[in-house]
Amino acid sequence: MEVSGNTDNESNLQAVYSLPRASNATERGRLDARHKGLMLSLRGLYTPVDKVREALRLREDGRQPAILDVGTGAGNWAEDMAREFPHAKVLGIDLNPVNISS
């Protein structure tokens, strides 16, 4: 990609996306705190609980439910959803690579 004649990827990304990204420890800490705050305010990972659980239930026909987290940031929500629904396929995408813990 080229922005204003510059082909450096990081510069290009900054030119078109100026919001913070989970690429440093400070921003990762802020995203972790935001995730915890949202979980407290929602009283969990998602709402409405019954509809989400129904949509992501283990299916008898073998089809695998899927979860997509666009703009996953630090990946906290995607990781937590993968733990809660281990039978589901979870994909988190972001501008920066995400380091998933084991």
N, C-alpha and C. Protein backbone atom coordinates (compact mmCIF):
# COMPACT_ATOMS: atom_id res chain seq x y z
N MET A 1 0.84 -1.17 0.00
CA MET A 1 0.00 0.00 0.00
C MET A 1 0.88 1.24 0.00
N GLU A 2 0.44 2.25 -0.70
CA GLU A 2 1.20 3.49 -0.76
C GLU A 2 0.32 4.64 -0.31
N VAL A 3 0.80 5.41 0.66
CA VAL A 3 0.09 6.60 1.14
C VAL A 3 1.03 7.77 1.00
N SER A 4 0.62 8.77 0.25
CA SER A 4 1.42 9.98 0.03
C SER A 4 2.85 9.65 -0.42
N GLY A 5 3.00 8.67 -1.30
CA GLY A 5 4.31 8.32 -1.81
C GLY A 5 5.17 7.50 -0.87
N ASN A 6 4.69 7.19 0.32
CA ASN A 6 5.45 6.44 1.32
C ASN A 6 5.01 4.98 1.27
N THR A 7 5.95 4.07 1.17
CA THR A 7 5.60 2.65 1.12
C THR A 7 5.92 1.91 2.42
N ASP A 8 6.34 2.61 3.46
CA ASP A 8 6.62 1.98 4.75
C ASP A 8 5.28 1.59 5.39
N ASN A 9 5.10 0.31 5.69
CA ASN A 9 3.82 -0.19 6.20
C ASN A 9 3.38 0.48 7.49
N GLU A 10 4.27 0.64 8.46
CA GLU A 10 3.90 1.26 9.74
C GLU A 10 3.46 2.70 9.53
N SER A 11 4.19 3.45 8.72
CA SER A 11 3.80 4.83 8.43
C SER A 11 2.45 4.89 7.73
N ASN A 12 2.25 3.97 6.80
CA ASN A 12 0.97 3.93 6.09
C ASN A 12 -0.17 3.63 7.03
N LEU A 13 0.04 2.67 7.92
CA LEU A 13 -1.00 2.31 8.88
C LEU A 13 -1.34 3.50 9.77
N GLN A 14 -0.33 4.20 10.26
CA GLN A 14 -0.56 5.39 11.08
C GLN A 14 -1.30 6.47 10.31
N ALA A 15 -1.04 6.59 9.01
CA ALA A 15 -1.69 7.61 8.20
C ALA A 15 -3.18 7.36 8.04
N VAL A 16 -3.58 6.10 7.97
CA VAL A 16 -4.99 5.78 7.76
C VAL A 16 -5.73 5.35 9.02
N TYR A 17 -5.00 5.02 10.09
CA TYR A 17 -5.62 4.56 11.33
C TYR A 17 -4.84 5.14 12.50
N SER A 18 -5.38 6.18 13.10
CA SER A 18 -4.63 6.88 14.14
C SER A 18 -5.04 6.52 15.56
N LEU A 19 -6.01 5.62 15.74
CA LEU A 19 -6.40 5.21 17.09
C LEU A 19 -5.35 4.30 17.69
N PRO A 20 -5.33 4.17 19.02
CA PRO A 20 -4.33 3.29 19.67
C PRO A 20 -4.50 1.84 19.23
N ARG A 21 -3.37 1.12 19.19
CA ARG A 21 -3.36 -0.29 18.85
C ARG A 21 -2.66 -1.06 19.97
N ALA A 22 -2.99 -2.34 20.10
CA ALA A 22 -2.44 -3.16 21.19
C ALA A 22 -1.02 -3.59 20.89
N SER A 23 -0.18 -2.65 20.48
CA SER A 23 1.18 -3.02 20.10
C SER A 23 2.21 -2.72 21.18
N ASN A 24 1.78 -2.14 22.31
CA ASN A 24 2.73 -1.89 23.40
C ASN A 24 2.07 -2.23 24.73
N ALA A 25 2.88 -2.33 25.76
CA ALA A 25 2.40 -2.77 27.08
C ALA A 25 1.38 -1.81 27.67
N THR A 26 1.55 -0.51 27.45
CA THR A 26 0.61 0.47 28.00
C THR A 26 -0.77 0.29 27.41
N GLU A 27 -0.82 0.17 26.10
CA GLU A 27 -2.11 0.00 25.43
C GLU A 27 -2.71 -1.35 25.77
N ARG A 28 -1.89 -2.38 25.87
CA ARG A 28 -2.39 -3.71 26.25
C ARG A 28 -3.03 -3.65 27.64
N GLY A 29 -2.38 -2.94 28.58
CA GLY A 29 -2.94 -2.79 29.92
C GLY A 29 -4.27 -2.06 29.91
N ARG A 30 -4.38 -1.02 29.07
CA ARG A 30 -5.63 -0.27 28.97
C ARG A 30 -6.73 -1.16 28.40
N LEU A 31 -6.40 -1.94 27.38
CA LEU A 31 -7.39 -2.84 26.80
C LEU A 31 -7.82 -3.93 27.79
N ASP A 32 -6.87 -4.44 28.58
CA ASP A 32 -7.21 -5.43 29.61
C ASP A 32 -8.19 -4.84 30.63
N ALA A 33 -7.91 -3.61 31.07
CA ALA A 33 -8.79 -2.94 32.05
C ALA A 33 -10.17 -2.69 31.45
N ARG A 34 -10.21 -2.27 30.19
CA ARG A 34 -11.50 -2.04 29.52
C ARG A 34 -12.29 -3.34 29.43
N HIS A 35 -11.62 -4.43 29.10
CA HIS A 35 -12.29 -5.74 29.00
C HIS A 35 -12.90 -6.12 30.34
N LYS A 36 -12.13 -5.96 31.42
CA LYS A 36 -12.64 -6.30 32.75
C LYS A 36 -13.82 -5.41 33.13
N GLY A 37 -13.74 -4.12 32.81
CA GLY A 37 -14.83 -3.20 33.11
C GLY A 37 -16.11 -3.54 32.35
N LEU A 38 -15.97 -3.89 31.08
CA LEU A 38 -17.14 -4.28 30.30
C LEU A 38 -17.75 -5.57 30.81
N MET A 39 -16.89 -6.52 31.23
CA MET A 39 -17.42 -7.77 31.78
C MET A 39 -18.21 -7.51 33.06
N LEU A 40 -17.72 -6.60 33.89
CA LEU A 40 -18.44 -6.26 35.12
C LEU A 40 -19.78 -5.60 34.81
N SER A 41 -19.77 -4.66 33.86
CA SER A 41 -21.01 -3.95 33.56
C SER A 41 -22.04 -4.85 32.87
N LEU A 42 -21.58 -5.79 32.06
CA LEU A 42 -22.49 -6.73 31.40
C LEU A 42 -22.82 -7.94 32.27
N ARG A 43 -22.06 -8.10 33.35
CA ARG A 43 -22.16 -9.28 34.23
C ARG A 43 -21.82 -10.56 33.46
N GLY A 44 -20.83 -10.45 32.58
CA GLY A 44 -20.39 -11.59 31.80
C GLY A 44 -19.78 -11.14 30.49
N LEU A 45 -19.58 -12.07 29.60
CA LEU A 45 -18.93 -11.79 28.32
C LEU A 45 -19.89 -11.27 27.25
N TYR A 46 -21.18 -11.53 27.39
CA TYR A 46 -22.12 -11.22 26.32
C TYR A 46 -23.53 -11.10 26.88
N THR A 47 -24.38 -10.52 26.06
CA THR A 47 -25.79 -10.39 26.38
C THR A 47 -26.58 -10.37 25.08
N PRO A 48 -27.73 -10.93 25.01
CA PRO A 48 -28.48 -11.70 26.00
C PRO A 48 -27.93 -13.13 26.11
N VAL A 49 -27.73 -13.55 27.32
CA VAL A 49 -27.06 -14.82 27.60
C VAL A 49 -27.76 -16.00 26.94
N ASP A 50 -29.07 -16.10 27.08
CA ASP A 50 -29.78 -17.27 26.55
C ASP A 50 -29.69 -17.36 25.03
N LYS A 51 -29.77 -16.25 24.34
CA LYS A 51 -29.71 -16.28 22.87
C LYS A 51 -28.30 -16.62 22.37
N VAL A 52 -27.28 -16.10 23.05
CA VAL A 52 -25.90 -16.39 22.64
C VAL A 52 -25.58 -17.86 22.90
N ARG A 53 -25.96 -18.35 24.06
CA ARG A 53 -25.71 -19.78 24.36
C ARG A 53 -26.45 -20.69 23.39
N GLU A 54 -27.65 -20.33 23.02
CA GLU A 54 -28.41 -21.13 22.05
C GLU A 54 -27.71 -21.12 20.68
N ALA A 55 -27.26 -19.96 20.25
CA ALA A 55 -26.60 -19.84 18.95
C ALA A 55 -25.27 -20.59 18.91
N LEU A 56 -24.59 -20.68 20.05
CA LEU A 56 -23.26 -21.30 20.09
C LEU A 56 -23.25 -22.68 20.72
N ARG A 57 -24.41 -23.27 20.88
CA ARG A 57 -24.51 -24.60 21.50
C ARG A 57 -23.79 -25.65 20.65
N LEU A 58 -23.41 -26.75 21.29
CA LEU A 58 -22.84 -27.90 20.61
C LEU A 58 -23.95 -28.52 19.77
N ARG A 59 -23.71 -28.70 18.50
CA ARG A 59 -24.75 -29.16 17.59
C ARG A 59 -24.64 -30.65 17.31
N GLU A 60 -25.79 -31.31 17.27
CA GLU A 60 -25.83 -32.74 17.02
C GLU A 60 -25.46 -33.09 15.59
N ASP A 61 -25.68 -32.17 14.65
CA ASP A 61 -25.38 -32.45 13.24
C ASP A 61 -23.91 -32.28 12.88
N GLY A 62 -23.09 -31.92 13.88
CA GLY A 62 -21.66 -31.80 13.66
C GLY A 62 -21.18 -30.45 13.17
N ARG A 63 -22.12 -29.55 12.81
CA ARG A 63 -21.70 -28.22 12.37
C ARG A 63 -21.06 -27.48 13.54
N GLN A 64 -19.97 -26.80 13.27
CA GLN A 64 -19.23 -26.09 14.31
C GLN A 64 -19.67 -24.63 14.36
N PRO A 65 -20.17 -24.17 15.52
CA PRO A 65 -20.51 -22.75 15.62
C PRO A 65 -19.24 -21.91 15.53
N ALA A 66 -19.40 -20.67 15.10
CA ALA A 66 -18.24 -19.80 14.91
C ALA A 66 -18.46 -18.43 15.55
N ILE A 67 -17.36 -17.86 16.03
CA ILE A 67 -17.37 -16.55 16.67
C ILE A 67 -16.33 -15.70 15.96
N LEU A 68 -16.72 -14.50 15.53
CA LEU A 68 -15.81 -13.57 14.87
C LEU A 68 -15.69 -12.31 15.72
N ASP A 69 -14.47 -11.95 16.08
CA ASP A 69 -14.20 -10.74 16.85
C ASP A 69 -13.39 -9.79 15.96
N VAL A 70 -14.05 -8.83 15.34
CA VAL A 70 -13.39 -7.87 14.45
C VAL A 70 -12.86 -6.72 15.30
N GLY A 71 -11.57 -6.40 15.14
CA GLY A 71 -10.94 -5.38 15.98
C GLY A 71 -10.69 -5.95 17.36
N THR A 72 -10.13 -7.14 17.41
CA THR A 72 -9.99 -7.88 18.66
C THR A 72 -9.06 -7.24 19.68
N GLY A 73 -8.21 -6.30 19.22
CA GLY A 73 -7.30 -5.63 20.16
C GLY A 73 -6.35 -6.61 20.79
N ALA A 74 -6.40 -6.71 22.10
CA ALA A 74 -5.52 -7.61 22.83
C ALA A 74 -5.99 -9.07 22.78
N GLY A 75 -7.20 -9.30 22.31
CA GLY A 75 -7.70 -10.66 22.16
C GLY A 75 -8.38 -11.24 23.38
N ASN A 76 -8.59 -10.44 24.42
CA ASN A 76 -9.16 -10.95 25.67
C ASN A 76 -10.53 -11.59 25.48
N TRP A 77 -11.43 -10.89 24.78
CA TRP A 77 -12.79 -11.39 24.61
C TRP A 77 -12.78 -12.69 23.80
N ALA A 78 -12.02 -12.72 22.72
CA ALA A 78 -11.94 -13.92 21.90
C ALA A 78 -11.40 -15.10 22.71
N GLU A 79 -10.37 -14.86 23.51
CA GLU A 79 -9.82 -15.93 24.36
C GLU A 79 -10.85 -16.44 25.35
N ASP A 80 -11.56 -15.52 26.01
CA ASP A 80 -12.56 -15.92 27.00
C ASP A 80 -13.72 -16.68 26.35
N MET A 81 -14.13 -16.24 25.16
CA MET A 81 -15.20 -16.95 24.45
C MET A 81 -14.74 -18.35 24.05
N ALA A 82 -13.48 -18.49 23.64
CA ALA A 82 -12.95 -19.80 23.27
C ALA A 82 -12.92 -20.73 24.48
N ARG A 83 -12.65 -20.18 25.65
CA ARG A 83 -12.66 -21.02 26.86
C ARG A 83 -14.09 -21.44 27.21
N GLU A 84 -15.04 -20.52 27.06
CA GLU A 84 -16.43 -20.84 27.41
C GLU A 84 -17.08 -21.78 26.39
N PHE A 85 -16.69 -21.64 25.13
CA PHE A 85 -17.27 -22.46 24.07
C PHE A 85 -16.14 -23.19 23.33
N PRO A 86 -15.52 -24.19 23.98
CA PRO A 86 -14.37 -24.86 23.39
C PRO A 86 -14.69 -25.62 22.09
N HIS A 87 -15.94 -25.89 21.85
CA HIS A 87 -16.36 -26.58 20.63
C HIS A 87 -16.54 -25.62 19.45
N ALA A 88 -16.47 -24.31 19.70
CA ALA A 88 -16.69 -23.31 18.65
C ALA A 88 -15.36 -22.88 18.03
N LYS A 89 -15.44 -22.47 16.78
CA LYS A 89 -14.28 -21.90 16.10
C LYS A 89 -14.29 -20.40 16.40
N VAL A 90 -13.18 -19.88 16.94
CA VAL A 90 -13.10 -18.46 17.30
C VAL A 90 -12.00 -17.81 16.47
N LEU A 91 -12.35 -16.70 15.84
CA LEU A 91 -11.39 -15.95 15.04
C LEU A 91 -11.41 -14.49 15.49
N GLY A 92 -10.25 -14.00 15.93
CA GLY A 92 -10.10 -12.60 16.28
C GLY A 92 -9.13 -11.96 15.30
N ILE A 93 -9.55 -10.86 14.69
CA ILE A 93 -8.67 -10.18 13.74
C ILE A 93 -8.44 -8.74 14.17
N ASP A 94 -7.24 -8.25 13.89
CA ASP A 94 -6.90 -6.88 14.25
C ASP A 94 -5.78 -6.41 13.32
N LEU A 95 -5.47 -5.12 13.38
CA LEU A 95 -4.40 -4.56 12.57
C LEU A 95 -3.04 -5.07 13.01
N ASN A 96 -2.89 -5.36 14.28
CA ASN A 96 -1.63 -5.86 14.84
C ASN A 96 -1.77 -7.34 15.15
N PRO A 97 -0.68 -8.09 15.07
CA PRO A 97 -0.73 -9.50 15.48
C PRO A 97 -1.12 -9.60 16.96
N VAL A 98 -1.88 -10.62 17.28
CA VAL A 98 -2.33 -10.84 18.65
C VAL A 98 -1.58 -12.03 19.22
N ASN A 99 -1.03 -11.87 20.43
CA ASN A 99 -0.34 -12.97 21.10
C ASN A 99 -1.33 -13.63 22.05
N ILE A 100 -1.75 -14.83 21.73
CA ILE A 100 -2.72 -15.56 22.53
C ILE A 100 -2.00 -16.39 23.57
N SER A 101 -2.47 -16.29 24.81
CA SER A 101 -1.88 -17.10 25.87
C SER A 101 -2.43 -18.51 25.79
N SER A 102 -1.73 -19.45 26.39
CA SER A 102 -2.16 -20.86 26.33
C SER A 102 -3.31 -21.12 27.25
